[in-house]
Amino acid sequence: MDKIIISEEAYKEFKEFLDENEVDNYSIRINLAGFGCSGPAFNITVDDAKEGDITHKVNDVVFVVEEKLVDEFGGFKLLSTEENEGRGLSLKPIIESESGGCGSCGGGCH
């Protein structure tokens, strides 16, 4: 099973994003940024693989993720703007976490 799922369209959009931002090291780490009302949030940074990481190469880009995050979330899918209903590039876990939700923010979500 692929740990990173990305369509050709999403790959092209993501690569264009990296190039527009003058990123020349295509070793991209996926990080857990925290939990909110809608569950876990993830971000990306430019970083090389370390011990305990899993890497997955897609064309020119190497995605780096801590093995424990892959175990917990089953890997990640990167969606293009179109695949994300016009809301821009999005990074989502393959296994949706039960953490988060309205109970985690005092029930203020509607």
N, C-alpha and C. Protein backbone atom coordinates (compact mmCIF):
# COMPACT_ATOMS: atom_id res chain seq x y z
N MET A 1 0.84 -1.18 0.00
CA MET A 1 0.00 0.00 0.00
C MET A 1 0.88 1.25 0.00
N ASP A 2 0.55 2.20 -0.84
CA ASP A 2 1.29 3.46 -0.87
C ASP A 2 1.02 4.25 0.40
N LYS A 3 2.05 4.83 0.94
CA LYS A 3 1.92 5.65 2.15
C LYS A 3 1.56 7.10 1.79
N ILE A 4 1.83 7.46 0.54
CA ILE A 4 1.45 8.78 0.03
C ILE A 4 0.64 8.56 -1.24
N ILE A 5 -0.57 9.06 -1.25
CA ILE A 5 -1.42 8.95 -2.42
C ILE A 5 -1.55 10.34 -3.03
N ILE A 6 -1.19 10.45 -4.29
CA ILE A 6 -1.22 11.74 -4.96
C ILE A 6 -1.50 11.51 -6.44
N SER A 7 -2.50 12.20 -6.97
CA SER A 7 -2.82 12.08 -8.39
C SER A 7 -1.81 12.88 -9.20
N GLU A 8 -1.78 12.64 -10.48
CA GLU A 8 -0.87 13.40 -11.36
C GLU A 8 -1.21 14.88 -11.31
N GLU A 9 -2.49 15.20 -11.28
CA GLU A 9 -2.93 16.60 -11.20
C GLU A 9 -2.44 17.26 -9.91
N ALA A 10 -2.59 16.56 -8.78
CA ALA A 10 -2.15 17.10 -7.49
C ALA A 10 -0.62 17.23 -7.47
N TYR A 11 0.09 16.24 -8.06
CA TYR A 11 1.54 16.31 -8.10
C TYR A 11 1.99 17.56 -8.87
N LYS A 12 1.40 17.78 -10.04
CA LYS A 12 1.78 18.94 -10.85
C LYS A 12 1.52 20.24 -10.10
N GLU A 13 0.36 20.34 -9.44
CA GLU A 13 0.03 21.56 -8.70
C GLU A 13 1.00 21.75 -7.52
N PHE A 14 1.32 20.67 -6.81
CA PHE A 14 2.23 20.75 -5.68
C PHE A 14 3.63 21.13 -6.13
N LYS A 15 4.11 20.52 -7.19
CA LYS A 15 5.44 20.82 -7.73
C LYS A 15 5.51 22.29 -8.17
N GLU A 16 4.45 22.77 -8.80
CA GLU A 16 4.37 24.18 -9.20
C GLU A 16 4.44 25.08 -7.97
N PHE A 17 3.74 24.71 -6.90
CA PHE A 17 3.78 25.46 -5.64
C PHE A 17 5.21 25.51 -5.10
N LEU A 18 5.91 24.38 -5.11
CA LEU A 18 7.30 24.36 -4.63
C LEU A 18 8.18 25.26 -5.48
N ASP A 19 8.03 25.17 -6.80
CA ASP A 19 8.86 25.97 -7.70
C ASP A 19 8.57 27.47 -7.55
N GLU A 20 7.28 27.83 -7.43
CA GLU A 20 6.91 29.24 -7.25
C GLU A 20 7.50 29.82 -5.97
N ASN A 21 7.67 28.97 -4.97
CA ASN A 21 8.23 29.41 -3.69
C ASN A 21 9.73 29.17 -3.60
N GLU A 22 10.33 28.89 -4.75
CA GLU A 22 11.78 28.74 -4.89
C GLU A 22 12.35 27.66 -3.96
N VAL A 23 11.58 26.60 -3.77
CA VAL A 23 12.06 25.45 -3.00
C VAL A 23 12.88 24.59 -3.95
N ASP A 24 14.14 24.38 -3.62
CA ASP A 24 14.99 23.59 -4.51
C ASP A 24 15.36 22.22 -3.94
N ASN A 25 14.99 21.98 -2.68
CA ASN A 25 15.19 20.67 -2.08
C ASN A 25 13.82 19.99 -2.02
N TYR A 26 13.64 18.99 -2.84
CA TYR A 26 12.33 18.35 -2.93
C TYR A 26 12.18 17.19 -1.94
N SER A 27 12.77 17.35 -0.76
CA SER A 27 12.58 16.40 0.34
C SER A 27 11.60 17.06 1.31
N ILE A 28 10.35 16.61 1.28
CA ILE A 28 9.26 17.29 1.96
C ILE A 28 8.75 16.44 3.12
N ARG A 29 8.86 16.99 4.32
CA ARG A 29 8.40 16.29 5.53
C ARG A 29 6.95 16.65 5.82
N ILE A 30 6.16 15.63 6.13
CA ILE A 30 4.78 15.81 6.57
C ILE A 30 4.79 15.74 8.10
N ASN A 31 4.27 16.79 8.74
CA ASN A 31 4.26 16.90 10.19
C ASN A 31 2.84 16.97 10.72
N LEU A 32 2.64 16.50 11.94
CA LEU A 32 1.39 16.71 12.65
C LEU A 32 1.48 18.08 13.31
N ALA A 33 0.59 18.99 12.94
CA ALA A 33 0.62 20.35 13.48
C ALA A 33 -0.22 20.48 14.75
N GLY A 34 -1.10 19.53 14.99
CA GLY A 34 -1.94 19.58 16.18
C GLY A 34 -3.35 19.11 15.87
N PHE A 35 -4.23 19.27 16.85
CA PHE A 35 -5.62 18.86 16.69
C PHE A 35 -6.53 20.05 16.91
N GLY A 36 -7.61 20.11 16.15
CA GLY A 36 -8.59 21.17 16.30
C GLY A 36 -9.99 20.59 16.20
N CYS A 37 -10.96 21.47 16.01
CA CYS A 37 -12.36 21.05 15.91
C CYS A 37 -12.58 20.03 14.80
N SER A 38 -11.85 20.15 13.72
CA SER A 38 -12.06 19.24 12.59
C SER A 38 -11.08 18.07 12.59
N GLY A 39 -10.40 17.85 13.71
CA GLY A 39 -9.48 16.73 13.81
C GLY A 39 -8.04 17.15 13.65
N PRO A 40 -7.18 16.22 13.21
CA PRO A 40 -5.75 16.53 13.11
C PRO A 40 -5.48 17.50 11.95
N ALA A 41 -4.46 18.33 12.16
CA ALA A 41 -4.00 19.24 11.11
C ALA A 41 -2.55 18.90 10.81
N PHE A 42 -2.20 18.96 9.54
CA PHE A 42 -0.85 18.61 9.11
C PHE A 42 -0.23 19.77 8.36
N ASN A 43 1.10 19.85 8.41
CA ASN A 43 1.81 20.83 7.60
C ASN A 43 3.02 20.16 6.97
N ILE A 44 3.69 20.90 6.13
CA ILE A 44 4.87 20.37 5.45
C ILE A 44 6.05 21.30 5.69
N THR A 45 7.23 20.72 5.71
CA THR A 45 8.47 21.47 5.79
C THR A 45 9.48 20.80 4.86
N VAL A 46 10.50 21.53 4.52
CA VAL A 46 11.61 20.95 3.76
C VAL A 46 12.57 20.35 4.78
N ASP A 47 12.80 19.04 4.67
CA ASP A 47 13.65 18.37 5.65
C ASP A 47 14.07 17.02 5.09
N ASP A 48 15.26 16.60 5.41
CA ASP A 48 15.75 15.30 4.98
C ASP A 48 15.31 14.20 5.94
N ALA A 49 15.31 12.98 5.45
CA ALA A 49 14.91 11.83 6.25
C ALA A 49 15.88 11.59 7.39
N LYS A 50 15.32 11.11 8.50
CA LYS A 50 16.10 10.76 9.68
C LYS A 50 15.74 9.34 10.08
N GLU A 51 16.45 8.82 11.06
CA GLU A 51 16.15 7.48 11.55
C GLU A 51 14.71 7.46 12.07
N GLY A 52 13.98 6.41 11.72
CA GLY A 52 12.59 6.29 12.15
C GLY A 52 11.59 6.89 11.18
N ASP A 53 12.08 7.39 10.05
CA ASP A 53 11.21 7.97 9.03
C ASP A 53 10.93 6.97 7.92
N ILE A 54 9.82 7.17 7.26
CA ILE A 54 9.48 6.45 6.04
C ILE A 54 9.55 7.45 4.91
N THR A 55 10.12 7.05 3.79
CA THR A 55 10.17 7.93 2.62
C THR A 55 9.37 7.30 1.48
N HIS A 56 8.79 8.17 0.68
CA HIS A 56 8.02 7.72 -0.48
C HIS A 56 8.29 8.72 -1.61
N LYS A 57 8.93 8.25 -2.67
CA LYS A 57 9.28 9.13 -3.78
C LYS A 57 8.18 9.12 -4.83
N VAL A 58 7.76 10.33 -5.23
CA VAL A 58 6.79 10.51 -6.30
C VAL A 58 7.44 11.45 -7.31
N ASN A 59 7.85 10.90 -8.43
CA ASN A 59 8.58 11.65 -9.46
C ASN A 59 9.80 12.32 -8.83
N ASP A 60 9.86 13.65 -8.79
CA ASP A 60 11.02 14.37 -8.24
C ASP A 60 10.94 14.64 -6.75
N VAL A 61 9.78 14.41 -6.14
CA VAL A 61 9.56 14.79 -4.75
C VAL A 61 9.65 13.55 -3.85
N VAL A 62 10.43 13.69 -2.77
CA VAL A 62 10.51 12.64 -1.75
C VAL A 62 9.73 13.13 -0.54
N PHE A 63 8.68 12.39 -0.20
CA PHE A 63 7.89 12.71 0.99
C PHE A 63 8.48 11.93 2.16
N VAL A 64 8.66 12.62 3.29
CA VAL A 64 9.26 12.06 4.49
C VAL A 64 8.23 12.16 5.62
N VAL A 65 8.00 11.03 6.30
CA VAL A 65 7.02 11.00 7.39
C VAL A 65 7.56 10.12 8.51
N GLU A 66 7.37 10.54 9.75
CA GLU A 66 7.73 9.68 10.88
C GLU A 66 6.90 8.40 10.80
N GLU A 67 7.54 7.29 11.04
CA GLU A 67 6.86 6.00 10.94
C GLU A 67 5.63 5.95 11.85
N LYS A 68 5.71 6.55 13.04
CA LYS A 68 4.58 6.51 13.97
C LYS A 68 3.36 7.26 13.41
N LEU A 69 3.58 8.31 12.61
CA LEU A 69 2.45 9.01 11.99
C LEU A 69 1.81 8.15 10.91
N VAL A 70 2.64 7.42 10.16
CA VAL A 70 2.11 6.51 9.14
C VAL A 70 1.31 5.40 9.81
N ASP A 71 1.83 4.88 10.92
CA ASP A 71 1.11 3.84 11.65
C ASP A 71 -0.24 4.35 12.15
N GLU A 72 -0.25 5.56 12.69
CA GLU A 72 -1.48 6.12 13.27
C GLU A 72 -2.50 6.51 12.21
N PHE A 73 -2.03 7.11 11.10
CA PHE A 73 -2.95 7.66 10.11
C PHE A 73 -2.99 6.88 8.80
N GLY A 74 -2.21 5.81 8.68
CA GLY A 74 -2.25 4.96 7.50
C GLY A 74 -1.58 5.55 6.28
N GLY A 75 -0.98 6.70 6.41
CA GLY A 75 -0.38 7.41 5.28
C GLY A 75 -1.20 8.67 5.00
N PHE A 76 -0.91 9.30 3.86
CA PHE A 76 -1.52 10.59 3.57
C PHE A 76 -1.89 10.69 2.10
N LYS A 77 -2.89 11.52 1.83
CA LYS A 77 -3.27 11.80 0.45
C LYS A 77 -3.21 13.31 0.25
N LEU A 78 -2.57 13.69 -0.84
CA LEU A 78 -2.46 15.09 -1.21
C LEU A 78 -3.47 15.34 -2.32
N LEU A 79 -4.39 16.25 -2.07
CA LEU A 79 -5.46 16.55 -3.03
C LEU A 79 -5.17 17.85 -3.75
N SER A 80 -5.45 17.87 -5.04
CA SER A 80 -5.32 19.10 -5.83
C SER A 80 -6.48 20.03 -5.47
N THR A 81 -6.41 21.27 -5.94
CA THR A 81 -7.49 22.22 -5.72
C THR A 81 -8.81 21.67 -6.24
N GLU A 82 -8.78 21.08 -7.42
CA GLU A 82 -10.01 20.52 -7.99
C GLU A 82 -10.53 19.35 -7.16
N GLU A 83 -9.64 18.46 -6.75
CA GLU A 83 -10.03 17.31 -5.93
C GLU A 83 -10.53 17.74 -4.55
N ASN A 84 -10.13 18.93 -4.12
CA ASN A 84 -10.50 19.47 -2.81
C ASN A 84 -11.64 20.49 -2.95
N GLU A 85 -12.46 20.33 -3.97
CA GLU A 85 -13.65 21.16 -4.20
C GLU A 85 -13.33 22.66 -4.26
N GLY A 86 -12.18 23.00 -4.88
CA GLY A 86 -11.82 24.40 -5.08
C GLY A 86 -11.19 25.08 -3.89
N ARG A 87 -10.87 24.33 -2.83
CA ARG A 87 -10.34 24.95 -1.61
C ARG A 87 -8.82 24.90 -1.53
N GLY A 88 -8.13 24.69 -2.65
CA GLY A 88 -6.67 24.66 -2.64
C GLY A 88 -6.12 23.28 -2.35
N LEU A 89 -4.81 23.18 -2.43
CA LEU A 89 -4.13 21.92 -2.11
C LEU A 89 -4.46 21.53 -0.67
N SER A 90 -4.61 20.24 -0.44
CA SER A 90 -4.95 19.78 0.90
C SER A 90 -4.23 18.46 1.19
N LEU A 91 -3.80 18.31 2.42
CA LEU A 91 -3.14 17.10 2.88
C LEU A 91 -4.04 16.46 3.92
N LYS A 92 -4.44 15.21 3.67
CA LYS A 92 -5.37 14.53 4.57
C LYS A 92 -4.83 13.15 4.93
N PRO A 93 -5.16 12.68 6.14
CA PRO A 93 -4.75 11.32 6.51
C PRO A 93 -5.62 10.30 5.77
N ILE A 94 -5.05 9.12 5.52
CA ILE A 94 -5.82 8.04 4.91
C ILE A 94 -6.83 7.51 5.92
N ILE A 95 -6.40 7.34 7.18
CA ILE A 95 -7.31 6.91 8.24
C ILE A 95 -7.71 8.15 9.01
N GLU A 96 -8.99 8.47 8.97
CA GLU A 96 -9.49 9.64 9.70
C GLU A 96 -9.41 9.38 11.19
N SER A 97 -8.89 10.32 11.94
CA SER A 97 -8.74 10.19 13.38
C SER A 97 -10.06 10.44 14.08
N GLU A 98 -10.24 9.77 15.20
CA GLU A 98 -11.42 10.03 16.02
C GLU A 98 -11.16 11.20 16.97
N SER A 99 -9.93 11.68 17.04
CA SER A 99 -9.62 12.84 17.86
C SER A 99 -10.16 14.08 17.19
N GLY A 100 -10.42 15.09 17.96
CA GLY A 100 -10.97 16.31 17.40
C GLY A 100 -12.48 16.26 17.45
N GLY A 101 -13.11 16.96 16.56
CA GLY A 101 -14.56 17.02 16.58
C GLY A 101 -15.03 18.09 17.52
N CYS A 102 -16.30 18.33 17.55
CA CYS A 102 -16.86 19.44 18.33
C CYS A 102 -16.59 19.32 19.82
N GLY A 103 -16.51 18.09 20.33
CA GLY A 103 -16.25 17.93 21.76
C GLY A 103 -14.89 18.45 22.17
N SER A 104 -13.93 18.51 21.24
CA SER A 104 -12.59 18.92 21.60
C SER A 104 -12.47 20.44 21.75
N CYS A 105 -13.48 21.18 21.29
CA CYS A 105 -13.40 22.65 21.42
C CYS A 105 -14.58 23.17 22.23
N GLY A 106 -15.07 22.37 23.13
CA GLY A 106 -16.13 22.81 24.02
C GLY A 106 -17.50 22.86 23.40
N GLY A 107 -17.69 22.18 22.25
CA GLY A 107 -19.01 22.13 21.63
C GLY A 107 -19.38 23.38 20.86
N GLY A 108 -18.40 24.23 20.56
CA GLY A 108 -18.70 25.46 19.84
C GLY A 108 -18.88 25.31 18.35
N CYS A 109 -18.63 24.12 17.81
CA CYS A 109 -18.78 23.89 16.37
C CYS A 109 -20.24 23.63 16.04
N HIS A 110 -20.69 24.12 14.92
CA HIS A 110 -22.09 23.87 14.50
C HIS A 110 -22.13 23.48 13.05
